[in-house]
Amino acid sequence: DRATYDETYAVYRSLYTHVRDDLHALSRLAGERRT
């Protein structure tokens, strides 16, 4: 399954860089709602 894992790992690495800012925004939003 090496080829499948390699392709999915590439998506895994790329996904974080694309959604990082949105994840941080959601973290802040959760913090605001707790206060």
PDB file of all heavy atoms in Angstrom:
ATOM      1  N   ASP A   1       0.818  -1.216   0.000  1.00  0.00           N
ATOM      2  CA  ASP A   1       0.000   0.000   0.000  1.00  0.00           C
ATOM      3  C   ASP A   1       0.853   1.268   0.000  1.00  0.00           C
ATOM      4  O   ASP A   1       0.361   2.354   0.298  1.00  0.00           O
ATOM      5  CB  ASP A   1      -0.926   0.011   1.225  1.00  0.00           C
ATOM      6  CG  ASP A   1      -1.961  -1.095   1.173  1.00  0.00           C
ATOM      7  OD1 ASP A   1      -2.541  -1.290   0.096  1.00  0.00           O
ATOM      8  OD2 ASP A   1      -2.171  -1.760   2.203  1.00  0.00           O
ATOM      9  N   ARG A   2       2.132   1.118  -0.329  1.00  0.00           N
ATOM     10  CA  ARG A   2       3.048   2.249  -0.241  1.00  0.00           C
ATOM     11  C   ARG A   2       2.585   3.433  -1.101  1.00  0.00           C
ATOM     12  O   ARG A   2       2.596   4.583  -0.637  1.00  0.00           O
ATOM     13  CB  ARG A   2       4.455   1.813  -0.668  1.00  0.00           C
ATOM     14  CG  ARG A   2       5.510   2.904  -0.566  1.00  0.00           C
ATOM     15  CD  ARG A   2       5.796   3.259   0.877  1.00  0.00           C
ATOM     16  NE  ARG A   2       6.796   4.308   0.994  1.00  0.00           N
ATOM     17  CZ  ARG A   2       7.276   4.771   2.130  1.00  0.00           C
ATOM     18  NH1 ARG A   2       6.840   4.262   3.273  1.00  0.00           N
ATOM     19  NH2 ARG A   2       8.168   5.724   2.169  1.00  0.00           N
ATOM     20  N   ALA A   3       2.187   3.176  -2.346  1.00  0.00           N
ATOM     21  CA  ALA A   3       1.806   4.269  -3.237  1.00  0.00           C
ATOM     22  C   ALA A   3       0.596   5.025  -2.683  1.00  0.00           C
ATOM     23  O   ALA A   3       0.558   6.267  -2.708  1.00  0.00           O
ATOM     24  CB  ALA A   3       1.509   3.734  -4.635  1.00  0.00           C
ATOM     25  N   THR A   4      -0.378   4.298  -2.160  1.00  0.00           N
ATOM     26  CA  THR A   4      -1.562   4.948  -1.590  1.00  0.00           C
ATOM     27  C   THR A   4      -1.191   5.794  -0.385  1.00  0.00           C
ATOM     28  O   THR A   4      -1.650   6.948  -0.245  1.00  0.00           O
ATOM     29  CB  THR A   4      -2.602   3.894  -1.174  1.00  0.00           C
ATOM     30  OG1 THR A   4      -3.009   3.158  -2.317  1.00  0.00           O
ATOM     31  CG2 THR A   4      -3.818   4.539  -0.520  1.00  0.00           C
ATOM     32  N   TYR A   5      -0.357   5.244   0.484  1.00  0.00           N
ATOM     33  CA  TYR A   5       0.051   6.005   1.676  1.00  0.00           C
ATOM     34  C   TYR A   5       0.869   7.234   1.277  1.00  0.00           C
ATOM     35  O   TYR A   5       0.727   8.307   1.880  1.00  0.00           O
ATOM     36  CB  TYR A   5       0.849   5.123   2.632  1.00  0.00           C
ATOM     37  CG  TYR A   5       0.001   4.187   3.458  1.00  0.00           C
ATOM     38  CD1 TYR A   5       0.363   2.850   3.642  1.00  0.00           C
ATOM     39  CD2 TYR A   5      -1.168   4.630   4.071  1.00  0.00           C
ATOM     40  CE1 TYR A   5      -0.403   1.995   4.419  1.00  0.00           C
ATOM     41  CE2 TYR A   5      -1.944   3.776   4.850  1.00  0.00           C
ATOM     42  CZ  TYR A   5      -1.558   2.457   5.019  1.00  0.00           C
ATOM     43  OH  TYR A   5      -2.319   1.608   5.786  1.00  0.00           O
ATOM     44  N   ASP A   6       1.737   7.099   0.281  1.00  0.00           N
ATOM     45  CA  ASP A   6       2.529   8.253  -0.158  1.00  0.00           C
ATOM     46  C   ASP A   6       1.626   9.387  -0.654  1.00  0.00           C
ATOM     47  O   ASP A   6       1.832  10.563  -0.320  1.00  0.00           O
ATOM     48  CB  ASP A   6       3.496   7.843  -1.281  1.00  0.00           C
ATOM     49  CG  ASP A   6       4.674   7.030  -0.776  1.00  0.00           C
ATOM     50  OD1 ASP A   6       4.871   6.960   0.463  1.00  0.00           O
ATOM     51  OD2 ASP A   6       5.399   6.467  -1.616  1.00  0.00           O
ATOM     52  N   GLU A   7       0.633   9.033  -1.440  1.00  0.00           N
ATOM     53  CA  GLU A   7      -0.270  10.051  -1.993  1.00  0.00           C
ATOM     54  C   GLU A   7      -1.110  10.698  -0.882  1.00  0.00           C
ATOM     55  O   GLU A   7      -1.309  11.915  -0.867  1.00  0.00           O
ATOM     56  CB  GLU A   7      -1.168   9.432  -3.052  1.00  0.00           C
ATOM     57  CG  GLU A   7      -0.434   9.009  -4.322  1.00  0.00           C
ATOM     58  CD  GLU A   7      -1.343   8.304  -5.314  1.00  0.00           C
ATOM     59  OE1 GLU A   7      -2.573   8.295  -5.079  1.00  0.00           O
ATOM     60  OE2 GLU A   7      -0.822   7.766  -6.308  1.00  0.00           O
ATOM     61  N   THR A   8      -1.597   9.867   0.040  1.00  0.00           N
ATOM     62  CA  THR A   8      -2.422  10.414   1.114  1.00  0.00           C
ATOM     63  C   THR A   8      -1.581  11.257   2.071  1.00  0.00           C
ATOM     64  O   THR A   8      -2.045  12.287   2.571  1.00  0.00           O
ATOM     65  CB  THR A   8      -3.123   9.279   1.881  1.00  0.00           C
ATOM     66  OG1 THR A   8      -3.744   8.386   0.962  1.00  0.00           O
ATOM     67  CG2 THR A   8      -4.175   9.836   2.823  1.00  0.00           C
ATOM     68  N   TYR A   9      -0.344  10.834   2.297  1.00  0.00           N
ATOM     69  CA  TYR A   9       0.555  11.618   3.158  1.00  0.00           C
ATOM     70  C   TYR A   9       0.814  12.997   2.547  1.00  0.00           C
ATOM     71  O   TYR A   9       0.859  14.005   3.269  1.00  0.00           O
ATOM     72  CB  TYR A   9       1.872  10.868   3.360  1.00  0.00           C
ATOM     73  CG  TYR A   9       2.917  11.643   4.124  1.00  0.00           C
ATOM     74  CD1 TYR A   9       2.737  11.959   5.464  1.00  0.00           C
ATOM     75  CD2 TYR A   9       4.099  12.061   3.501  1.00  0.00           C
ATOM     76  CE1 TYR A   9       3.696  12.670   6.176  1.00  0.00           C
ATOM     77  CE2 TYR A   9       5.062  12.768   4.196  1.00  0.00           C
ATOM     78  CZ  TYR A   9       4.858  13.071   5.532  1.00  0.00           C
ATOM     79  OH  TYR A   9       5.806  13.779   6.233  1.00  0.00           O
ATOM     80  N   ALA A  10       0.972  13.049   1.242  1.00  0.00           N
ATOM     81  CA  ALA A  10       1.183  14.339   0.577  1.00  0.00           C
ATOM     82  C   ALA A  10      -0.016  15.259   0.797  1.00  0.00           C
ATOM     83  O   ALA A  10       0.141  16.469   1.042  1.00  0.00           O
ATOM     84  CB  ALA A  10       1.434  14.129  -0.912  1.00  0.00           C
ATOM     85  N   VAL A  11      -1.225  14.694   0.759  1.00  0.00           N
ATOM     86  CA  VAL A  11      -2.422  15.493   1.037  1.00  0.00           C
ATOM     87  C   VAL A  11      -2.437  15.935   2.499  1.00  0.00           C
ATOM     88  O   VAL A  11      -2.778  17.086   2.815  1.00  0.00           O
ATOM     89  CB  VAL A  11      -3.694  14.683   0.703  1.00  0.00           C
ATOM     90  CG1 VAL A  11      -4.943  15.449   1.132  1.00  0.00           C
ATOM     91  CG2 VAL A  11      -3.749  14.367  -0.784  1.00  0.00           C
ATOM     92  N   TYR A  12      -2.081  15.027   3.390  1.00  0.00           N
ATOM     93  CA  TYR A  12      -2.003  15.326   4.825  1.00  0.00           C
ATOM     94  C   TYR A  12      -1.102  16.535   5.085  1.00  0.00           C
ATOM     95  O   TYR A  12      -1.476  17.468   5.807  1.00  0.00           O
ATOM     96  CB  TYR A  12      -1.486  14.081   5.546  1.00  0.00           C
ATOM     97  CG  TYR A  12      -1.083  14.264   6.988  1.00  0.00           C
ATOM     98  CD1 TYR A  12      -2.004  14.082   8.008  1.00  0.00           C
ATOM     99  CD2 TYR A  12       0.238  14.577   7.329  1.00  0.00           C
ATOM    100  CE1 TYR A  12      -1.630  14.210   9.339  1.00  0.00           C
ATOM    101  CE2 TYR A  12       0.625  14.714   8.660  1.00  0.00           C
ATOM    102  CZ  TYR A  12      -0.315  14.535   9.662  1.00  0.00           C
ATOM    103  OH  TYR A  12       0.068  14.671  10.976  1.00  0.00           O
ATOM    104  N   ARG A  13       0.070  16.533   4.473  1.00  0.00           N
ATOM    105  CA  ARG A  13       1.007  17.636   4.675  1.00  0.00           C
ATOM    106  C   ARG A  13       0.477  18.932   4.055  1.00  0.00           C
ATOM    107  O   ARG A  13       0.603  20.023   4.630  1.00  0.00           O
ATOM    108  CB  ARG A  13       2.372  17.289   4.067  1.00  0.00           C
ATOM    109  CG  ARG A  13       3.122  16.170   4.793  1.00  0.00           C
ATOM    110  CD  ARG A  13       3.623  16.613   6.171  1.00  0.00           C
ATOM    111  NE  ARG A  13       4.450  17.802   6.060  1.00  0.00           N
ATOM    112  CZ  ARG A  13       5.769  17.801   5.791  1.00  0.00           C
ATOM    113  NH1 ARG A  13       6.377  16.645   5.587  1.00  0.00           N
ATOM    114  NH2 ARG A  13       6.444  18.917   5.719  1.00  0.00           N
ATOM    115  N   SER A  14      -0.102  18.833   2.878  1.00  0.00           N
ATOM    116  CA  SER A  14      -0.593  20.013   2.182  1.00  0.00           C
ATOM    117  C   SER A  14      -1.817  20.602   2.880  1.00  0.00           C
ATOM    118  O   SER A  14      -1.989  21.823   2.944  1.00  0.00           O
ATOM    119  CB  SER A  14      -0.940  19.656   0.739  1.00  0.00           C
ATOM    120  OG  SER A  14      -1.544  20.733   0.069  1.00  0.00           O
ATOM    121  N   LEU A  15      -2.674  19.732   3.392  1.00  0.00           N
ATOM    122  CA  LEU A  15      -3.937  20.176   3.988  1.00  0.00           C
ATOM    123  C   LEU A  15      -3.703  21.154   5.128  1.00  0.00           C
ATOM    124  O   LEU A  15      -4.371  22.198   5.220  1.00  0.00           O
ATOM    125  CB  LEU A  15      -4.724  18.960   4.467  1.00  0.00           C
ATOM    126  CG  LEU A  15      -6.077  19.229   5.120  1.00  0.00           C
ATOM    127  CD1 LEU A  15      -7.025  19.910   4.139  1.00  0.00           C
ATOM    128  CD2 LEU A  15      -6.681  17.914   5.624  1.00  0.00           C
ATOM    129  N   TYR A  16      -2.764  20.831   6.010  1.00  0.00           N
ATOM    130  CA  TYR A  16      -2.514  21.707   7.160  1.00  0.00           C
ATOM    131  C   TYR A  16      -2.112  23.112   6.714  1.00  0.00           C
ATOM    132  O   TYR A  16      -2.599  24.113   7.266  1.00  0.00           O
ATOM    133  CB  TYR A  16      -1.435  21.101   8.062  1.00  0.00           C
ATOM    134  CG  TYR A  16      -0.947  22.066   9.127  1.00  0.00           C
ATOM    135  CD1 TYR A  16      -1.747  22.383  10.210  1.00  0.00           C
ATOM    136  CD2 TYR A  16       0.319  22.671   9.022  1.00  0.00           C
ATOM    137  CE1 TYR A  16      -1.300  23.276  11.182  1.00  0.00           C
ATOM    138  CE2 TYR A  16       0.758  23.555   9.984  1.00  0.00           C
ATOM    139  CZ  TYR A  16      -0.058  23.858  11.058  1.00  0.00           C
ATOM    140  OH  TYR A  16       0.382  24.750  12.013  1.00  0.00           O
ATOM    141  N   THR A  17      -1.237  23.199   5.723  1.00  0.00           N
ATOM    142  CA  THR A  17      -0.781  24.528   5.286  1.00  0.00           C
ATOM    143  C   THR A  17      -1.938  25.333   4.701  1.00  0.00           C
ATOM    144  O   THR A  17      -1.958  26.571   4.820  1.00  0.00           O
ATOM    145  CB  THR A  17       0.349  24.398   4.244  1.00  0.00           C
ATOM    146  OG1 THR A  17      -0.154  23.742   3.075  1.00  0.00           O
ATOM    147  CG2 THR A  17       1.526  23.622   4.804  1.00  0.00           C
ATOM    148  N   HIS A  18      -2.908  24.669   4.100  1.00  0.00           N
ATOM    149  CA  HIS A  18      -4.026  25.375   3.487  1.00  0.00           C
ATOM    150  C   HIS A  18      -5.098  25.788   4.494  1.00  0.00           C
ATOM    151  O   HIS A  18      -5.818  26.773   4.264  1.00  0.00           O
ATOM    152  CB  HIS A  18      -4.662  24.520   2.387  1.00  0.00           C
ATOM    153  CG  HIS A  18      -3.853  24.466   1.132  1.00  0.00           C
ATOM    154  ND1 HIS A  18      -2.912  23.499   0.895  1.00  0.00           N
ATOM    155  CD2 HIS A  18      -3.819  25.284   0.033  1.00  0.00           C
ATOM    156  CE1 HIS A  18      -2.347  23.704  -0.289  1.00  0.00           C
ATOM    157  NE2 HIS A  18      -2.887  24.786  -0.823  1.00  0.00           N
ATOM    158  N   VAL A  19      -5.253  25.025   5.580  1.00  0.00           N
ATOM    159  CA  VAL A  19      -6.340  25.328   6.526  1.00  0.00           C
ATOM    160  C   VAL A  19      -5.834  25.905   7.844  1.00  0.00           C
ATOM    161  O   VAL A  19      -6.636  26.213   8.729  1.00  0.00           O
ATOM    162  CB  VAL A  19      -7.194  24.070   6.811  1.00  0.00           C
ATOM    163  CG1 VAL A  19      -7.774  23.517   5.524  1.00  0.00           C
ATOM    164  CG2 VAL A  19      -6.393  23.001   7.550  1.00  0.00           C
ATOM    165  N   ARG A  20      -4.531  26.078   7.988  1.00  0.00           N
ATOM    166  CA  ARG A  20      -3.971  26.536   9.266  1.00  0.00           C
ATOM    167  C   ARG A  20      -4.622  27.827   9.764  1.00  0.00           C
ATOM    168  O   ARG A  20      -5.036  27.919  10.929  1.00  0.00           O
ATOM    169  CB  ARG A  20      -2.454  26.738   9.122  1.00  0.00           C
ATOM    170  CG  ARG A  20      -1.774  27.293  10.369  1.00  0.00           C
ATOM    171  CD  ARG A  20      -0.288  27.384  10.140  1.00  0.00           C
ATOM    172  NE  ARG A  20      -0.004  28.107   8.898  1.00  0.00           N
ATOM    173  CZ  ARG A  20       1.097  27.940   8.162  1.00  0.00           C
ATOM    174  NH1 ARG A  20       2.011  27.059   8.544  1.00  0.00           N
ATOM    175  NH2 ARG A  20       1.280  28.637   7.062  1.00  0.00           N
ATOM    176  N   ASP A  21      -4.725  28.829   8.914  1.00  0.00           N
ATOM    177  CA  ASP A  21      -5.291  30.105   9.352  1.00  0.00           C
ATOM    178  C   ASP A  21      -6.748  29.941   9.773  1.00  0.00           C
ATOM    179  O   ASP A  21      -7.203  30.576  10.742  1.00  0.00           O
ATOM    180  CB  ASP A  21      -5.170  31.149   8.247  1.00  0.00           C
ATOM    181  CG  ASP A  21      -3.721  31.561   7.981  1.00  0.00           C
ATOM    182  OD1 ASP A  21      -2.859  31.270   8.837  1.00  0.00           O
ATOM    183  OD2 ASP A  21      -3.461  32.152   6.917  1.00  0.00           O
ATOM    184  N   ASP A  22      -7.484  29.123   9.048  1.00  0.00           N
ATOM    185  CA  ASP A  22      -8.882  28.893   9.415  1.00  0.00           C
ATOM    186  C   ASP A  22      -8.989  28.151  10.747  1.00  0.00           C
ATOM    187  O   ASP A  22      -9.882  28.433  11.564  1.00  0.00           O
ATOM    188  CB  ASP A  22      -9.590  28.099   8.326  1.00  0.00           C
ATOM    189  CG  ASP A  22      -9.781  28.906   7.038  1.00  0.00           C
ATOM    190  OD1 ASP A  22      -9.951  30.139   7.141  1.00  0.00           O
ATOM    191  OD2 ASP A  22      -9.745  28.312   5.955  1.00  0.00           O
ATOM    192  N   LEU A  23      -8.095  27.187  10.990  1.00  0.00           N
ATOM    193  CA  LEU A  23      -8.105  26.472  12.270  1.00  0.00           C
ATOM    194  C   LEU A  23      -7.806  27.423  13.414  1.00  0.00           C
ATOM    195  O   LEU A  23      -8.426  27.344  14.484  1.00  0.00           O
ATOM    196  CB  LEU A  23      -7.085  25.331  12.240  1.00  0.00           C
ATOM    197  CG  LEU A  23      -7.325  24.218  11.230  1.00  0.00           C
ATOM    198  CD1 LEU A  23      -6.243  23.153  11.343  1.00  0.00           C
ATOM    199  CD2 LEU A  23      -8.708  23.592  11.412  1.00  0.00           C
ATOM    200  N   HIS A  24      -6.867  28.345  13.211  1.00  0.00           N
ATOM    201  CA  HIS A  24      -6.557  29.331  14.242  1.00  0.00           C
ATOM    202  C   HIS A  24      -7.754  30.242  14.490  1.00  0.00           C
ATOM    203  O   HIS A  24      -8.031  30.617  15.648  1.00  0.00           O
ATOM    204  CB  HIS A  24      -5.343  30.152  13.825  1.00  0.00           C
ATOM    205  CG  HIS A  24      -4.069  29.373  13.821  1.00  0.00           C
ATOM    206  ND1 HIS A  24      -2.841  29.922  13.515  1.00  0.00           N
ATOM    207  CD2 HIS A  24      -3.810  28.062  14.088  1.00  0.00           C
ATOM    208  CE1 HIS A  24      -1.902  29.007  13.586  1.00  0.00           C
ATOM    209  NE2 HIS A  24      -2.470  27.868  13.934  1.00  0.00           N
ATOM    210  N   ALA A  25      -8.465  30.609  13.419  1.00  0.00           N
ATOM    211  CA  ALA A  25      -9.654  31.455  13.567  1.00  0.00           C
ATOM    212  C   ALA A  25     -10.727  30.730  14.382  1.00  0.00           C
ATOM    213  O   ALA A  25     -11.389  31.327  15.243  1.00  0.00           O
ATOM    214  CB  ALA A  25     -10.190  31.858  12.199  1.00  0.00           C
ATOM    215  N   LEU A  26     -10.903  29.443  14.119  1.00  0.00           N
ATOM    216  CA  LEU A  26     -11.881  28.666  14.873  1.00  0.00           C
ATOM    217  C   LEU A  26     -11.473  28.540  16.339  1.00  0.00           C
ATOM    218  O   LEU A  26     -12.325  28.571  17.237  1.00  0.00           O
ATOM    219  CB  LEU A  26     -12.036  27.274  14.251  1.00  0.00           C
ATOM    220  CG  LEU A  26     -12.725  27.234  12.873  1.00  0.00           C
ATOM    221  CD1 LEU A  26     -12.611  25.841  12.272  1.00  0.00           C
ATOM    222  CD2 LEU A  26     -14.178  27.655  12.989  1.00  0.00           C
ATOM    223  N   SER A  27     -10.176  28.388  16.588  1.00  0.00           N
ATOM    224  CA  SER A  27      -9.688  28.330  17.959  1.00  0.00           C
ATOM    225  C   SER A  27     -10.008  29.625  18.694  1.00  0.00           C
ATOM    226  O   SER A  27     -10.463  29.626  19.845  1.00  0.00           O
ATOM    227  CB  SER A  27      -8.184  28.079  17.959  1.00  0.00           C
ATOM    228  OG  SER A  27      -7.654  28.127  19.267  1.00  0.00           O
ATOM    229  N   ARG A  28      -9.776  30.767  18.020  1.00  0.00           N
ATOM    230  CA  ARG A  28     -10.084  32.062  18.639  1.00  0.00           C
ATOM    231  C   ARG A  28     -11.588  32.205  18.877  1.00  0.00           C
ATOM    232  O   ARG A  28     -12.021  32.720  19.903  1.00  0.00           O
ATOM    233  CB  ARG A  28      -9.580  33.196  17.757  1.00  0.00           C
ATOM    234  CG  ARG A  28      -8.057  33.309  17.729  1.00  0.00           C
ATOM    235  CD  ARG A  28      -7.619  34.628  17.076  1.00  0.00           C
ATOM    236  NE  ARG A  28      -8.035  34.709  15.678  1.00  0.00           N
ATOM    237  CZ  ARG A  28      -7.313  34.268  14.653  1.00  0.00           C
ATOM    238  NH1 ARG A  28      -6.133  33.680  14.873  1.00  0.00           N
ATOM    239  NH2 ARG A  28      -7.749  34.384  13.401  1.00  0.00           N
ATOM    240  N   LEU A  29     -12.370  31.750  17.911  1.00  0.00           N
ATOM    241  CA  LEU A  29     -13.824  31.847  18.036  1.00  0.00           C
ATOM    242  C   LEU A  29     -14.306  31.028  19.239  1.00  0.00           C
ATOM    243  O   LEU A  29     -15.160  31.492  20.011  1.00  0.00           O
ATOM    244  CB  LEU A  29     -14.490  31.343  16.757  1.00  0.00           C
ATOM    245  CG  LEU A  29     -16.034  31.367  16.723  1.00  0.00           C
ATOM    246  CD1 LEU A  29     -16.527  32.796  16.878  1.00  0.00           C
ATOM    247  CD2 LEU A  29     -16.531  30.758  15.422  1.00  0.00           C
ATOM    248  N   ALA A  30     -13.763  29.844  19.408  1.00  0.00           N
ATOM    249  CA  ALA A  30     -14.138  29.015  20.562  1.00  0.00           C
ATOM    250  C   ALA A  30     -13.755  29.715  21.853  1.00  0.00           C
ATOM    251  O   ALA A  30     -14.491  29.684  22.838  1.00  0.00           O
ATOM    252  CB  ALA A  30     -13.462  27.656  20.469  1.00  0.00           C
ATOM    253  N   GLY A  31     -12.595  30.388  21.850  1.00  0.00           N
ATOM    254  CA  GLY A  31     -12.160  31.129  23.023  1.00  0.00           C
ATOM    255  C   GLY A  31     -13.068  32.286  23.347  1.00  0.00           C
ATOM    256  O   GLY A  31     -13.405  32.557  24.511  1.00  0.00           O
ATOM    257  N   GLU A  32     -13.518  32.995  22.315  1.00  0.00           N
ATOM    258  CA  GLU A  32     -14.424  34.135  22.519  1.00  0.00           C
ATOM    259  C   GLU A  32     -15.747  33.677  23.110  1.00  0.00           C
ATOM    260  O   GLU A  32     -16.337  34.332  23.972  1.00  0.00           O
ATOM    261  CB  GLU A  32     -14.645  34.858  21.199  1.00  0.00           C
ATOM    262  CG  GLU A  32     -13.407  35.613  20.695  1.00  0.00           C
ATOM    263  CD  GLU A  32     -13.547  36.061  19.237  1.00  0.00           C
ATOM    264  OE1 GLU A  32     -14.634  35.823  18.669  1.00  0.00           O
ATOM    265  OE2 GLU A  32     -12.574  36.618  18.696  1.00  0.00           O
ATOM    266  N   ARG A  33     -16.238  32.528  22.676  1.00  0.00           N
ATOM    267  CA  ARG A  33     -17.525  32.047  23.156  1.00  0.00           C
ATOM    268  C   ARG A  33     -17.441  31.518  24.575  1.00  0.00           C
ATOM    269  O   ARG A  33     -18.465  31.374  25.245  1.00  0.00           O
ATOM    270  CB  ARG A  33     -18.059  30.948  22.221  1.00  0.00           C
ATOM    271  CG  ARG A  33     -18.524  31.511  20.874  1.00  0.00           C
ATOM    272  CD  ARG A  33     -19.143  30.454  20.006  1.00  0.00           C
ATOM    273  NE  ARG A  33     -19.723  31.033  18.814  1.00  0.00           N
ATOM    274  CZ  ARG A  33     -20.254  30.344  17.825  1.00  0.00           C
ATOM    275  NH1 ARG A  33     -20.273  29.028  17.886  1.00  0.00           N
ATOM    276  NH2 ARG A  33     -20.767  30.957  16.762  1.00  0.00           N
ATOM    277  N   ARG A  34     -16.232  31.203  25.038  1.00  0.00           N
ATOM    278  CA  ARG A  34     -16.077  30.725  26.412  1.00  0.00           C
ATOM    279  C   ARG A  34     -16.080  31.876  27.393  1.00  0.00           C
ATOM    280  O   ARG A  34     -16.271  31.677  28.577  1.00  0.00           O
ATOM    281  CB  ARG A  34     -14.771  29.932  26.555  1.00  0.00           C
ATOM    282  CG  ARG A  34     -14.762  28.599  25.829  1.00  0.00           C
ATOM    283  CD  ARG A  34     -13.599  27.750  26.318  1.00  0.00           C
ATOM    284  NE  ARG A  34     -12.320  28.356  26.053  1.00  0.00           N
ATOM    285  CZ  ARG A  34     -11.593  28.112  24.980  1.00  0.00           C
ATOM    286  NH1 ARG A  34     -12.058  27.281  24.049  1.00  0.00           N
ATOM    287  NH2 ARG A  34     -10.428  28.678  24.796  1.00  0.00           N
ATOM    288  N   THR A  35     -15.762  33.100  26.916  1.00  0.00           N
ATOM    289  CA  THR A  35     -15.611  34.215  27.851  1.00  0.00           C
ATOM    290  C   THR A  35     -16.930  34.892  28.135  1.00  0.00           C
ATOM    291  O   THR A  35     -17.898  34.716  27.440  1.00  0.00           O
ATOM    292  CB  THR A  35     -14.634  35.246  27.257  1.00  0.00           C
ATOM    293  OG1 THR A  35     -15.135  35.705  25.992  1.00  0.00           O
ATOM    294  CG2 THR A  35     -13.265  34.638  27.079  1.00  0.00           C
TER     295      THR A  35
END
